[in-house]
Amino acid sequence: MIGTVQYFHGFSTGFLLFKAALLVTVIGAGFWWKDVVVEASFNGHHTKKVRFGIVQGFNLFILSEIMAFLSVFWAYLHASLSPAVELGSQWPPLGITALDVFALPFLNTIILLSSGGFITYAHHSLIANNRKGTLIGLFFTLVLALIFTYFQFIEYTQASFTFADSVFGSAFFATTGQINRPSFDTLFIVSFYSYFYF
């Protein structure tokens, strides 16, 4: 966190500190996830109480994701359906050119939904003990996650507004960032487990 703040304020060591903290976090989380899977799958150390705690923790994580998405969509809808005088009483606000929703954002939506279909196929193949189907589903999920992340980067660089450009920029970048983060998480987690277990 300190490295990120330093980087945003122009300190020369900020980005290095941010990368070091991110690396330590990713390595620590990766080894923790590996240990949880090994203890549960191969060693059989998880009691019913531990399994219940893990399931409840996951359910709370999903609930927090739902609430986070709900909050940014609520902010967007609140600002767009009743634009304030400060926004020029119009949506998008005066001076902001919105992206064409039927161009790159539409393509990204199709890619995101397709990756969800492929990860579901991989999951069902895993349940059916179909190793080849699992690997194919994971491979296409990874490829689509990479493409999605790249197109998201293009979308960010082509936008004529920034995070600081009124509620429109804040709502846009907060919403698309929250959509991109699970894609990046999936990319990391599937890559990590594919490396260790396949």
N, C-alpha and C. Protein backbone atom coordinates (compact mmCIF):
# COMPACT_ATOMS: atom_id res chain seq x y z
N MET A 1 0.82 -1.18 0.00
CA MET A 1 0.00 0.00 0.00
C MET A 1 0.87 1.26 0.00
N ILE A 2 1.91 1.26 0.81
CA ILE A 2 2.79 2.42 0.88
C ILE A 2 3.50 2.62 -0.45
N GLY A 3 3.92 1.52 -1.08
CA GLY A 3 4.58 1.61 -2.38
C GLY A 3 3.66 2.18 -3.44
N THR A 4 2.39 1.79 -3.40
CA THR A 4 1.42 2.31 -4.38
C THR A 4 1.22 3.80 -4.19
N VAL A 5 1.06 4.23 -2.95
CA VAL A 5 0.88 5.66 -2.67
C VAL A 5 2.13 6.44 -3.09
N GLN A 6 3.31 5.91 -2.78
CA GLN A 6 4.55 6.58 -3.19
C GLN A 6 4.65 6.67 -4.71
N TYR A 7 4.27 5.61 -5.40
CA TYR A 7 4.33 5.60 -6.87
C TYR A 7 3.39 6.66 -7.44
N PHE A 8 2.17 6.76 -6.90
CA PHE A 8 1.22 7.74 -7.40
C PHE A 8 1.67 9.17 -7.13
N HIS A 9 2.50 9.36 -6.11
CA HIS A 9 2.98 10.70 -5.79
C HIS A 9 4.36 10.98 -6.38
N GLY A 10 4.84 10.10 -7.24
CA GLY A 10 6.06 10.38 -7.99
C GLY A 10 7.37 10.02 -7.31
N PHE A 11 7.33 9.26 -6.22
CA PHE A 11 8.58 8.85 -5.58
C PHE A 11 9.25 7.78 -6.45
N SER A 12 10.57 7.86 -6.57
CA SER A 12 11.28 6.96 -7.47
C SER A 12 11.27 5.52 -6.96
N THR A 13 11.21 5.31 -5.66
CA THR A 13 11.25 3.95 -5.11
C THR A 13 9.86 3.34 -4.96
N GLY A 14 8.82 4.10 -5.25
CA GLY A 14 7.45 3.63 -5.02
C GLY A 14 7.09 2.39 -5.82
N PHE A 15 7.41 2.40 -7.12
CA PHE A 15 7.02 1.27 -7.96
C PHE A 15 7.81 0.01 -7.59
N LEU A 16 9.07 0.18 -7.22
CA LEU A 16 9.88 -0.97 -6.80
C LEU A 16 9.31 -1.58 -5.52
N LEU A 17 8.93 -0.74 -4.57
CA LEU A 17 8.34 -1.22 -3.34
C LEU A 17 7.00 -1.89 -3.60
N PHE A 18 6.21 -1.33 -4.52
CA PHE A 18 4.93 -1.93 -4.89
C PHE A 18 5.13 -3.32 -5.50
N LYS A 19 6.09 -3.45 -6.42
CA LYS A 19 6.35 -4.74 -7.06
C LYS A 19 6.84 -5.77 -6.04
N ALA A 20 7.69 -5.35 -5.11
CA ALA A 20 8.19 -6.28 -4.09
C ALA A 20 7.05 -6.76 -3.19
N ALA A 21 6.18 -5.85 -2.77
CA ALA A 21 5.05 -6.23 -1.92
C ALA A 21 4.08 -7.15 -2.67
N LEU A 22 3.84 -6.85 -3.94
CA LEU A 22 2.95 -7.69 -4.74
C LEU A 22 3.54 -9.08 -4.91
N LEU A 23 4.83 -9.17 -5.16
CA LEU A 23 5.48 -10.46 -5.32
C LEU A 23 5.40 -11.30 -4.04
N VAL A 24 5.68 -10.69 -2.91
CA VAL A 24 5.62 -11.40 -1.62
C VAL A 24 4.18 -11.87 -1.36
N THR A 25 3.20 -11.03 -1.65
CA THR A 25 1.80 -11.39 -1.43
C THR A 25 1.39 -12.55 -2.32
N VAL A 26 1.75 -12.48 -3.60
CA VAL A 26 1.38 -13.54 -4.55
C VAL A 26 2.05 -14.86 -4.18
N ILE A 27 3.31 -14.83 -3.82
CA ILE A 27 4.01 -16.06 -3.43
C ILE A 27 3.41 -16.64 -2.16
N GLY A 28 3.16 -15.79 -1.17
CA GLY A 28 2.56 -16.26 0.09
C GLY A 28 1.18 -16.86 -0.13
N ALA A 29 0.34 -16.17 -0.93
CA ALA A 29 -1.01 -16.69 -1.20
C ALA A 29 -0.93 -18.00 -1.98
N GLY A 30 -0.03 -18.07 -2.94
CA GLY A 30 0.11 -19.29 -3.74
C GLY A 30 0.49 -20.49 -2.91
N PHE A 31 1.46 -20.32 -2.04
CA PHE A 31 1.87 -21.44 -1.18
C PHE A 31 0.79 -21.79 -0.15
N TRP A 32 0.06 -20.78 0.33
CA TRP A 32 -1.03 -21.06 1.26
C TRP A 32 -2.12 -21.88 0.56
N TRP A 33 -2.51 -21.44 -0.67
CA TRP A 33 -3.52 -22.19 -1.42
C TRP A 33 -3.06 -23.62 -1.69
N LYS A 34 -1.79 -23.78 -2.04
CA LYS A 34 -1.25 -25.11 -2.30
C LYS A 34 -1.36 -25.99 -1.06
N ASP A 35 -1.01 -25.43 0.10
CA ASP A 35 -1.08 -26.19 1.34
C ASP A 35 -2.52 -26.58 1.69
N VAL A 36 -3.46 -25.67 1.48
CA VAL A 36 -4.86 -25.98 1.76
C VAL A 36 -5.34 -27.13 0.88
N VAL A 37 -4.99 -27.08 -0.40
CA VAL A 37 -5.43 -28.13 -1.32
C VAL A 37 -4.77 -29.47 -0.97
N VAL A 38 -3.47 -29.46 -0.68
CA VAL A 38 -2.76 -30.70 -0.35
C VAL A 38 -3.31 -31.29 0.95
N GLU A 39 -3.51 -30.45 1.97
CA GLU A 39 -4.03 -30.94 3.24
C GLU A 39 -5.42 -31.53 3.09
N ALA A 40 -6.25 -30.90 2.27
CA ALA A 40 -7.62 -31.37 2.11
C ALA A 40 -7.71 -32.57 1.18
N SER A 41 -7.01 -32.52 0.06
CA SER A 41 -7.16 -33.55 -0.97
C SER A 41 -6.36 -34.81 -0.69
N PHE A 42 -5.10 -34.65 -0.33
CA PHE A 42 -4.21 -35.79 -0.24
C PHE A 42 -3.99 -36.28 1.19
N ASN A 43 -3.93 -35.37 2.14
CA ASN A 43 -3.64 -35.77 3.52
C ASN A 43 -4.88 -36.04 4.35
N GLY A 44 -6.03 -35.48 3.94
CA GLY A 44 -7.28 -35.69 4.66
C GLY A 44 -7.31 -35.08 6.05
N HIS A 45 -6.62 -33.95 6.25
CA HIS A 45 -6.52 -33.35 7.57
C HIS A 45 -7.70 -32.43 7.93
N HIS A 46 -8.56 -32.13 7.00
CA HIS A 46 -9.63 -31.17 7.28
C HIS A 46 -10.82 -31.88 7.92
N THR A 47 -11.14 -31.45 9.14
CA THR A 47 -12.31 -31.98 9.83
C THR A 47 -13.56 -31.30 9.28
N LYS A 48 -14.72 -31.75 9.73
CA LYS A 48 -15.97 -31.14 9.28
C LYS A 48 -16.04 -29.66 9.67
N LYS A 49 -15.52 -29.37 10.86
CA LYS A 49 -15.54 -27.98 11.33
C LYS A 49 -14.65 -27.09 10.46
N VAL A 50 -13.48 -27.59 10.07
CA VAL A 50 -12.58 -26.82 9.22
C VAL A 50 -13.20 -26.63 7.83
N ARG A 51 -13.79 -27.70 7.29
CA ARG A 51 -14.44 -27.59 5.98
C ARG A 51 -15.59 -26.60 6.02
N PHE A 52 -16.36 -26.64 7.11
CA PHE A 52 -17.47 -25.69 7.27
C PHE A 52 -16.94 -24.26 7.30
N GLY A 53 -15.83 -24.04 8.00
CA GLY A 53 -15.23 -22.71 8.07
C GLY A 53 -14.74 -22.23 6.70
N ILE A 54 -14.15 -23.13 5.93
CA ILE A 54 -13.67 -22.76 4.60
C ILE A 54 -14.84 -22.41 3.69
N VAL A 55 -15.91 -23.21 3.75
CA VAL A 55 -17.09 -22.94 2.92
C VAL A 55 -17.73 -21.62 3.33
N GLN A 56 -17.84 -21.37 4.63
CA GLN A 56 -18.42 -20.11 5.09
C GLN A 56 -17.55 -18.92 4.68
N GLY A 57 -16.24 -19.09 4.77
CA GLY A 57 -15.35 -18.02 4.33
C GLY A 57 -15.51 -17.72 2.84
N PHE A 58 -15.65 -18.77 2.05
CA PHE A 58 -15.86 -18.57 0.62
C PHE A 58 -17.21 -17.91 0.36
N ASN A 59 -18.24 -18.33 1.08
CA ASN A 59 -19.56 -17.70 0.91
C ASN A 59 -19.52 -16.21 1.27
N LEU A 60 -18.79 -15.87 2.33
CA LEU A 60 -18.67 -14.46 2.71
C LEU A 60 -17.88 -13.68 1.66
N PHE A 61 -16.88 -14.32 1.06
CA PHE A 61 -16.13 -13.68 -0.02
C PHE A 61 -17.05 -13.38 -1.20
N ILE A 62 -17.87 -14.36 -1.59
CA ILE A 62 -18.81 -14.15 -2.70
C ILE A 62 -19.80 -13.03 -2.35
N LEU A 63 -20.28 -13.02 -1.12
CA LEU A 63 -21.20 -11.97 -0.69
C LEU A 63 -20.53 -10.60 -0.76
N SER A 64 -19.27 -10.51 -0.34
CA SER A 64 -18.57 -9.22 -0.41
C SER A 64 -18.37 -8.78 -1.86
N GLU A 65 -18.14 -9.72 -2.77
CA GLU A 65 -18.02 -9.37 -4.19
C GLU A 65 -19.35 -8.84 -4.73
N ILE A 66 -20.43 -9.50 -4.35
CA ILE A 66 -21.76 -9.05 -4.80
C ILE A 66 -22.03 -7.64 -4.30
N MET A 67 -21.71 -7.37 -3.04
CA MET A 67 -21.95 -6.04 -2.48
C MET A 67 -21.06 -4.99 -3.13
N ALA A 68 -19.82 -5.36 -3.47
CA ALA A 68 -18.92 -4.40 -4.13
C ALA A 68 -19.45 -4.05 -5.52
N PHE A 69 -19.88 -5.06 -6.27
CA PHE A 69 -20.46 -4.79 -7.59
C PHE A 69 -21.73 -3.97 -7.47
N LEU A 70 -22.56 -4.32 -6.51
CA LEU A 70 -23.80 -3.58 -6.32
C LEU A 70 -23.53 -2.11 -6.01
N SER A 71 -22.51 -1.84 -5.22
CA SER A 71 -22.21 -0.44 -4.86
C SER A 71 -21.77 0.39 -6.05
N VAL A 72 -20.92 -0.17 -6.93
CA VAL A 72 -20.48 0.64 -8.07
C VAL A 72 -21.58 0.78 -9.11
N PHE A 73 -22.40 -0.26 -9.29
CA PHE A 73 -23.53 -0.13 -10.21
C PHE A 73 -24.56 0.85 -9.68
N TRP A 74 -24.75 0.85 -8.37
CA TRP A 74 -25.68 1.80 -7.76
C TRP A 74 -25.18 3.24 -7.97
N ALA A 75 -23.90 3.46 -7.78
CA ALA A 75 -23.33 4.80 -7.99
C ALA A 75 -23.54 5.24 -9.43
N TYR A 76 -23.28 4.34 -10.37
CA TYR A 76 -23.45 4.68 -11.79
C TYR A 76 -24.91 4.99 -12.10
N LEU A 77 -25.82 4.12 -11.67
CA LEU A 77 -27.23 4.33 -11.98
C LEU A 77 -27.77 5.57 -11.28
N HIS A 78 -27.35 5.82 -10.06
CA HIS A 78 -27.80 7.01 -9.34
C HIS A 78 -27.37 8.29 -10.07
N ALA A 79 -26.13 8.30 -10.55
CA ALA A 79 -25.63 9.49 -11.23
C ALA A 79 -26.21 9.63 -12.64
N SER A 80 -26.46 8.53 -13.32
CA SER A 80 -26.92 8.62 -14.71
C SER A 80 -28.42 8.83 -14.83
N LEU A 81 -29.20 8.29 -13.92
CA LEU A 81 -30.65 8.43 -14.04
C LEU A 81 -31.16 9.78 -13.53
N SER A 82 -30.38 10.42 -12.68
CA SER A 82 -30.76 11.74 -12.18
C SER A 82 -29.51 12.60 -12.08
N PRO A 83 -28.98 13.07 -13.23
CA PRO A 83 -27.73 13.84 -13.21
C PRO A 83 -27.87 15.13 -12.42
N ALA A 84 -26.88 15.40 -11.60
CA ALA A 84 -26.90 16.59 -10.76
C ALA A 84 -26.58 17.83 -11.59
N VAL A 85 -26.85 18.98 -11.01
CA VAL A 85 -26.55 20.25 -11.66
C VAL A 85 -25.06 20.39 -11.89
N GLU A 86 -24.26 19.86 -10.98
CA GLU A 86 -22.80 19.94 -11.12
C GLU A 86 -22.30 19.20 -12.36
N LEU A 87 -23.08 18.25 -12.84
CA LEU A 87 -22.73 17.50 -14.05
C LEU A 87 -23.31 18.13 -15.30
N GLY A 88 -23.94 19.27 -15.15
CA GLY A 88 -24.58 19.92 -16.28
C GLY A 88 -25.96 19.37 -16.56
N SER A 89 -26.52 18.65 -15.61
CA SER A 89 -27.84 18.02 -15.72
C SER A 89 -27.97 17.14 -16.95
N GLN A 90 -26.88 16.51 -17.35
CA GLN A 90 -26.93 15.58 -18.48
C GLN A 90 -25.97 14.42 -18.25
N TRP A 91 -26.21 13.34 -18.97
CA TRP A 91 -25.37 12.15 -18.85
C TRP A 91 -25.01 11.65 -20.22
N PRO A 92 -23.77 11.42 -20.54
CA PRO A 92 -22.57 11.69 -19.74
C PRO A 92 -22.38 13.20 -19.53
N PRO A 93 -21.63 13.57 -18.52
CA PRO A 93 -21.44 14.98 -18.21
C PRO A 93 -20.84 15.75 -19.39
N LEU A 94 -21.05 17.02 -19.37
CA LEU A 94 -20.56 17.90 -20.43
C LEU A 94 -19.04 17.78 -20.55
N GLY A 95 -18.56 17.60 -21.77
CA GLY A 95 -17.13 17.51 -22.03
C GLY A 95 -16.58 16.11 -22.02
N ILE A 96 -17.41 15.12 -21.73
CA ILE A 96 -16.94 13.73 -21.71
C ILE A 96 -17.59 12.98 -22.86
N THR A 97 -16.76 12.32 -23.65
CA THR A 97 -17.25 11.49 -24.74
C THR A 97 -17.21 10.04 -24.30
N ALA A 98 -18.36 9.42 -24.20
CA ALA A 98 -18.43 8.03 -23.75
C ALA A 98 -17.95 7.10 -24.86
N LEU A 99 -17.47 5.92 -24.45
CA LEU A 99 -17.04 4.92 -25.42
C LEU A 99 -18.25 4.33 -26.13
N ASP A 100 -18.07 3.91 -27.37
CA ASP A 100 -19.13 3.24 -28.11
C ASP A 100 -19.33 1.86 -27.53
N VAL A 101 -20.50 1.59 -26.96
CA VAL A 101 -20.72 0.33 -26.26
C VAL A 101 -20.78 -0.86 -27.20
N PHE A 102 -20.97 -0.64 -28.49
CA PHE A 102 -21.04 -1.74 -29.44
C PHE A 102 -19.71 -1.99 -30.13
N ALA A 103 -18.66 -1.39 -29.65
CA ALA A 103 -17.32 -1.62 -30.20
C ALA A 103 -16.56 -2.55 -29.26
N LEU A 104 -15.48 -2.07 -28.68
CA LEU A 104 -14.63 -2.89 -27.82
C LEU A 104 -15.34 -3.38 -26.54
N PRO A 105 -16.17 -2.56 -25.87
CA PRO A 105 -16.85 -3.09 -24.68
C PRO A 105 -17.76 -4.28 -24.98
N PHE A 106 -18.43 -4.27 -26.13
CA PHE A 106 -19.29 -5.40 -26.51
C PHE A 106 -18.46 -6.65 -26.76
N LEU A 107 -17.34 -6.49 -27.45
CA LEU A 107 -16.45 -7.62 -27.69
C LEU A 107 -15.90 -8.17 -26.38
N ASN A 108 -15.54 -7.29 -25.47
CA ASN A 108 -15.06 -7.74 -24.15
C ASN A 108 -16.14 -8.50 -23.38
N THR A 109 -17.38 -8.07 -23.51
CA THR A 109 -18.47 -8.78 -22.85
C THR A 109 -18.61 -10.19 -23.40
N ILE A 110 -18.51 -10.34 -24.71
CA ILE A 110 -18.59 -11.67 -25.33
C ILE A 110 -17.42 -12.54 -24.87
N ILE A 111 -16.23 -11.96 -24.81
CA ILE A 111 -15.05 -12.71 -24.35
C ILE A 111 -15.22 -13.14 -22.90
N LEU A 112 -15.72 -12.25 -22.05
CA LEU A 112 -15.91 -12.56 -20.64
C LEU A 112 -16.93 -13.69 -20.46
N LEU A 113 -18.04 -13.62 -21.17
CA LEU A 113 -19.05 -14.68 -21.07
C LEU A 113 -18.53 -16.00 -21.64
N SER A 114 -17.75 -15.94 -22.70
CA SER A 114 -17.17 -17.16 -23.28
C SER A 114 -16.19 -17.82 -22.32
N SER A 115 -15.38 -17.00 -21.64
CA SER A 115 -14.44 -17.58 -20.67
C SER A 115 -15.19 -18.24 -19.52
N GLY A 116 -16.33 -17.68 -19.13
CA GLY A 116 -17.16 -18.31 -18.11
C GLY A 116 -17.69 -19.65 -18.59
N GLY A 117 -18.04 -19.74 -19.87
CA GLY A 117 -18.49 -21.00 -20.43
C GLY A 117 -17.38 -22.04 -20.45
N PHE A 118 -16.17 -21.63 -20.79
CA PHE A 118 -15.05 -22.58 -20.85
C PHE A 118 -14.63 -23.05 -19.46
N ILE A 119 -14.66 -22.17 -18.47
CA ILE A 119 -14.29 -22.61 -17.13
C ILE A 119 -15.37 -23.55 -16.57
N THR A 120 -16.63 -23.32 -16.95
CA THR A 120 -17.70 -24.24 -16.55
C THR A 120 -17.50 -25.60 -17.21
N TYR A 121 -17.12 -25.59 -18.49
CA TYR A 121 -16.83 -26.85 -19.19
C TYR A 121 -15.67 -27.58 -18.51
N ALA A 122 -14.62 -26.84 -18.13
CA ALA A 122 -13.49 -27.45 -17.44
C ALA A 122 -13.93 -28.05 -16.10
N HIS A 123 -14.80 -27.35 -15.39
CA HIS A 123 -15.28 -27.84 -14.10
C HIS A 123 -16.08 -29.13 -14.26
N HIS A 124 -16.98 -29.16 -15.23
CA HIS A 124 -17.76 -30.37 -15.46
C HIS A 124 -16.89 -31.53 -15.95
N SER A 125 -15.88 -31.22 -16.74
CA SER A 125 -14.94 -32.26 -17.18
C SER A 125 -14.15 -32.80 -16.00
N LEU A 126 -13.78 -31.91 -15.07
CA LEU A 126 -13.06 -32.35 -13.88
C LEU A 126 -13.91 -33.28 -13.02
N ILE A 127 -15.18 -32.94 -12.87
CA ILE A 127 -16.09 -33.78 -12.09
C ILE A 127 -16.26 -35.15 -12.76
N ALA A 128 -16.29 -35.16 -14.11
CA ALA A 128 -16.46 -36.41 -14.86
C ALA A 128 -15.14 -37.17 -15.02
N ASN A 129 -14.08 -36.66 -14.41
CA ASN A 129 -12.75 -37.29 -14.49
C ASN A 129 -12.21 -37.31 -15.92
N ASN A 130 -12.55 -36.27 -16.70
CA ASN A 130 -12.10 -36.13 -18.07
C ASN A 130 -10.92 -35.15 -18.08
N ARG A 131 -9.72 -35.67 -17.97
CA ARG A 131 -8.53 -34.82 -17.86
C ARG A 131 -8.33 -33.97 -19.10
N LYS A 132 -8.52 -34.54 -20.29
CA LYS A 132 -8.32 -33.80 -21.54
C LYS A 132 -9.31 -32.63 -21.65
N GLY A 133 -10.57 -32.88 -21.33
CA GLY A 133 -11.58 -31.82 -21.36
C GLY A 133 -11.27 -30.72 -20.35
N THR A 134 -10.77 -31.11 -19.18
CA THR A 134 -10.40 -30.13 -18.16
C THR A 134 -9.28 -29.23 -18.67
N LEU A 135 -8.25 -29.84 -19.25
CA LEU A 135 -7.12 -29.06 -19.75
C LEU A 135 -7.53 -28.15 -20.91
N ILE A 136 -8.39 -28.64 -21.80
CA ILE A 136 -8.86 -27.81 -22.91
C ILE A 136 -9.65 -26.62 -22.38
N GLY A 137 -10.56 -26.87 -21.44
CA GLY A 137 -11.34 -25.78 -20.85
C GLY A 137 -10.47 -24.76 -20.14
N LEU A 138 -9.48 -25.24 -19.38
CA LEU A 138 -8.57 -24.32 -18.69
C LEU A 138 -7.73 -23.53 -19.67
N PHE A 139 -7.26 -24.18 -20.73
CA PHE A 139 -6.44 -23.50 -21.72
C PHE A 139 -7.21 -22.35 -22.38
N PHE A 140 -8.43 -22.63 -22.83
CA PHE A 140 -9.20 -21.58 -23.48
C PHE A 140 -9.62 -20.48 -22.49
N THR A 141 -9.84 -20.86 -21.24
CA THR A 141 -10.13 -19.85 -20.23
C THR A 141 -8.94 -18.91 -20.05
N LEU A 142 -7.74 -19.47 -19.99
CA LEU A 142 -6.53 -18.66 -19.84
C LEU A 142 -6.32 -17.75 -21.04
N VAL A 143 -6.50 -18.28 -22.22
CA VAL A 143 -6.32 -17.48 -23.43
C VAL A 143 -7.33 -16.33 -23.46
N LEU A 144 -8.58 -16.63 -23.17
CA LEU A 144 -9.61 -15.59 -23.18
C LEU A 144 -9.37 -14.56 -22.07
N ALA A 145 -8.87 -14.99 -20.91
CA ALA A 145 -8.56 -14.04 -19.84
C ALA A 145 -7.43 -13.09 -20.26
N LEU A 146 -6.43 -13.63 -20.94
CA LEU A 146 -5.35 -12.77 -21.45
C LEU A 146 -5.86 -11.78 -22.48
N ILE A 147 -6.69 -12.26 -23.41
CA ILE A 147 -7.26 -11.38 -24.43
C ILE A 147 -8.12 -10.31 -23.79
N PHE A 148 -8.95 -10.72 -22.82
CA PHE A 148 -9.82 -9.77 -22.12
C PHE A 148 -9.00 -8.68 -21.43
N THR A 149 -7.94 -9.08 -20.74
CA THR A 149 -7.09 -8.12 -20.03
C THR A 149 -6.42 -7.17 -21.02
N TYR A 150 -5.96 -7.69 -22.15
CA TYR A 150 -5.32 -6.84 -23.16
C TYR A 150 -6.33 -5.83 -23.74
N PHE A 151 -7.53 -6.31 -24.07
CA PHE A 151 -8.55 -5.40 -24.60
C PHE A 151 -8.98 -4.37 -23.56
N GLN A 152 -8.97 -4.77 -22.30
CA GLN A 152 -9.30 -3.81 -21.24
C GLN A 152 -8.24 -2.71 -21.18
N PHE A 153 -6.98 -3.09 -21.34
CA PHE A 153 -5.90 -2.11 -21.39
C PHE A 153 -6.09 -1.16 -22.56
N ILE A 154 -6.44 -1.69 -23.73
CA ILE A 154 -6.70 -0.83 -24.90
C ILE A 154 -7.86 0.11 -24.62
N GLU A 155 -8.91 -0.41 -24.01
CA GLU A 155 -10.07 0.41 -23.69
C GLU A 155 -9.69 1.55 -22.74
N TYR A 156 -8.85 1.26 -21.75
CA TYR A 156 -8.43 2.29 -20.81
C TYR A 156 -7.59 3.36 -21.51
N THR A 157 -6.71 2.95 -22.41
CA THR A 157 -5.85 3.93 -23.06
C THR A 157 -6.60 4.76 -24.10
N GLN A 158 -7.69 4.23 -24.66
CA GLN A 158 -8.45 4.97 -25.66
C GLN A 158 -9.51 5.88 -25.06
N ALA A 159 -9.80 5.71 -23.79
CA ALA A 159 -10.83 6.53 -23.15
C ALA A 159 -10.38 7.98 -23.12
N SER A 160 -11.31 8.87 -23.44
CA SER A 160 -10.98 10.30 -23.45
C SER A 160 -11.15 10.95 -22.08
N PHE A 161 -11.39 10.15 -21.07
CA PHE A 161 -11.59 10.66 -19.71
C PHE A 161 -10.73 9.86 -18.74
N THR A 162 -10.58 10.38 -17.54
CA THR A 162 -9.77 9.72 -16.52
C THR A 162 -10.64 9.43 -15.30
N PHE A 163 -10.03 8.82 -14.31
CA PHE A 163 -10.72 8.51 -13.06
C PHE A 163 -11.19 9.80 -12.38
N ALA A 164 -10.48 10.88 -12.60
CA ALA A 164 -10.79 12.14 -11.93
C ALA A 164 -11.85 12.97 -12.66
N ASP A 165 -12.33 12.51 -13.81
CA ASP A 165 -13.31 13.27 -14.58
C ASP A 165 -14.73 12.97 -14.10
N SER A 166 -15.13 13.63 -13.06
CA SER A 166 -16.45 13.57 -12.46
C SER A 166 -16.84 12.15 -12.08
N VAL A 167 -18.09 11.96 -11.77
CA VAL A 167 -18.58 10.65 -11.35
C VAL A 167 -18.58 9.67 -12.51
N PHE A 168 -18.62 10.15 -13.74
CA PHE A 168 -18.60 9.26 -14.90
C PHE A 168 -17.29 8.48 -14.96
N GLY A 169 -16.16 9.18 -14.86
CA GLY A 169 -14.87 8.50 -14.89
C GLY A 169 -14.68 7.58 -13.71
N SER A 170 -15.09 8.04 -12.52
CA SER A 170 -14.96 7.21 -11.32
C SER A 170 -15.78 5.94 -11.44
N ALA A 171 -17.04 6.09 -11.86
CA ALA A 171 -17.91 4.91 -11.99
C ALA A 171 -17.41 3.97 -13.07
N PHE A 172 -16.95 4.52 -14.20
CA PHE A 172 -16.46 3.68 -15.29
C PHE A 172 -15.25 2.86 -14.86
N PHE A 173 -14.24 3.51 -14.32
CA PHE A 173 -13.01 2.80 -13.97
C PHE A 173 -13.20 1.88 -12.76
N ALA A 174 -14.05 2.27 -11.80
CA ALA A 174 -14.30 1.38 -10.66
C ALA A 174 -15.05 0.12 -11.12
N THR A 175 -16.04 0.29 -11.99
CA THR A 175 -16.81 -0.86 -12.46
C THR A 175 -15.97 -1.78 -13.33
N THR A 176 -15.29 -1.22 -14.31
CA THR A 176 -14.50 -2.08 -15.21
C THR A 176 -13.30 -2.68 -14.48
N GLY A 177 -12.76 -1.96 -13.51
CA GLY A 177 -11.67 -2.53 -12.72
C GLY A 177 -12.14 -3.70 -11.89
N GLN A 178 -13.35 -3.61 -11.33
CA GLN A 178 -13.88 -4.73 -10.56
C GLN A 178 -14.24 -5.91 -11.45
N ILE A 179 -14.56 -5.65 -12.71
CA ILE A 179 -14.82 -6.74 -13.64
C ILE A 179 -13.51 -7.39 -14.07
N ASN A 180 -12.48 -6.59 -14.24
CA ASN A 180 -11.20 -7.11 -14.72
C ASN A 180 -10.44 -7.86 -13.62
N ARG A 181 -10.60 -7.47 -12.37
CA ARG A 181 -9.86 -8.13 -11.30
C ARG A 181 -10.17 -9.61 -11.17
N PRO A 182 -11.44 -10.05 -11.17
CA PRO A 182 -11.69 -11.50 -11.12
C PRO A 182 -11.11 -12.24 -12.33
N SER A 183 -11.09 -11.58 -13.48
CA SER A 183 -10.48 -12.20 -14.66
C SER A 183 -8.99 -12.41 -14.43
N PHE A 184 -8.34 -11.41 -13.87
CA PHE A 184 -6.91 -11.53 -13.57
C PHE A 184 -6.67 -12.57 -12.48
N ASP A 185 -7.55 -12.59 -11.46
CA ASP A 185 -7.43 -13.59 -10.40
C ASP A 185 -7.56 -15.00 -10.97
N THR A 186 -8.55 -15.18 -11.85
CA THR A 186 -8.74 -16.49 -12.49
C THR A 186 -7.52 -16.87 -13.29
N LEU A 187 -6.97 -15.92 -14.00
CA LEU A 187 -5.77 -16.17 -14.80
C LEU A 187 -4.63 -16.65 -13.91
N PHE A 188 -4.43 -15.99 -12.78
CA PHE A 188 -3.35 -16.37 -11.87
C PHE A 188 -3.61 -17.72 -11.22
N ILE A 189 -4.80 -17.91 -10.68
CA ILE A 189 -5.10 -19.13 -9.92
C ILE A 189 -5.09 -20.35 -10.83
N VAL A 190 -5.71 -20.25 -12.00
CA VAL A 190 -5.74 -21.40 -12.91
C VAL A 190 -4.33 -21.71 -13.41
N SER A 191 -3.54 -20.69 -13.69
CA SER A 191 -2.16 -20.92 -14.12
C SER A 191 -1.37 -21.61 -13.01
N PHE A 192 -1.53 -21.15 -11.79
CA PHE A 192 -0.79 -21.70 -10.65
C PHE A 192 -1.14 -23.17 -10.45
N TYR A 193 -2.44 -23.47 -10.40
CA TYR A 193 -2.83 -24.86 -10.16
C TYR A 193 -2.55 -25.76 -11.35
N SER A 194 -2.66 -25.22 -12.56
CA SER A 194 -2.34 -26.02 -13.73
C SER A 194 -0.86 -26.41 -13.70
N TYR A 195 -0.02 -25.51 -13.27
CA TYR A 195 1.41 -25.78 -13.21
C TYR A 195 1.73 -26.87 -12.18
N PHE A 196 1.10 -26.79 -11.01
CA PHE A 196 1.43 -27.73 -9.94
C PHE A 196 0.71 -29.08 -10.03
N TYR A 197 -0.48 -29.11 -10.62
CA TYR A 197 -1.26 -30.33 -10.55
C TYR A 197 -1.49 -31.03 -11.87
N PHE A 198 -1.05 -30.43 -12.98
CA PHE A 198 -1.21 -31.10 -14.26
C PHE A 198 0.16 -31.25 -14.86
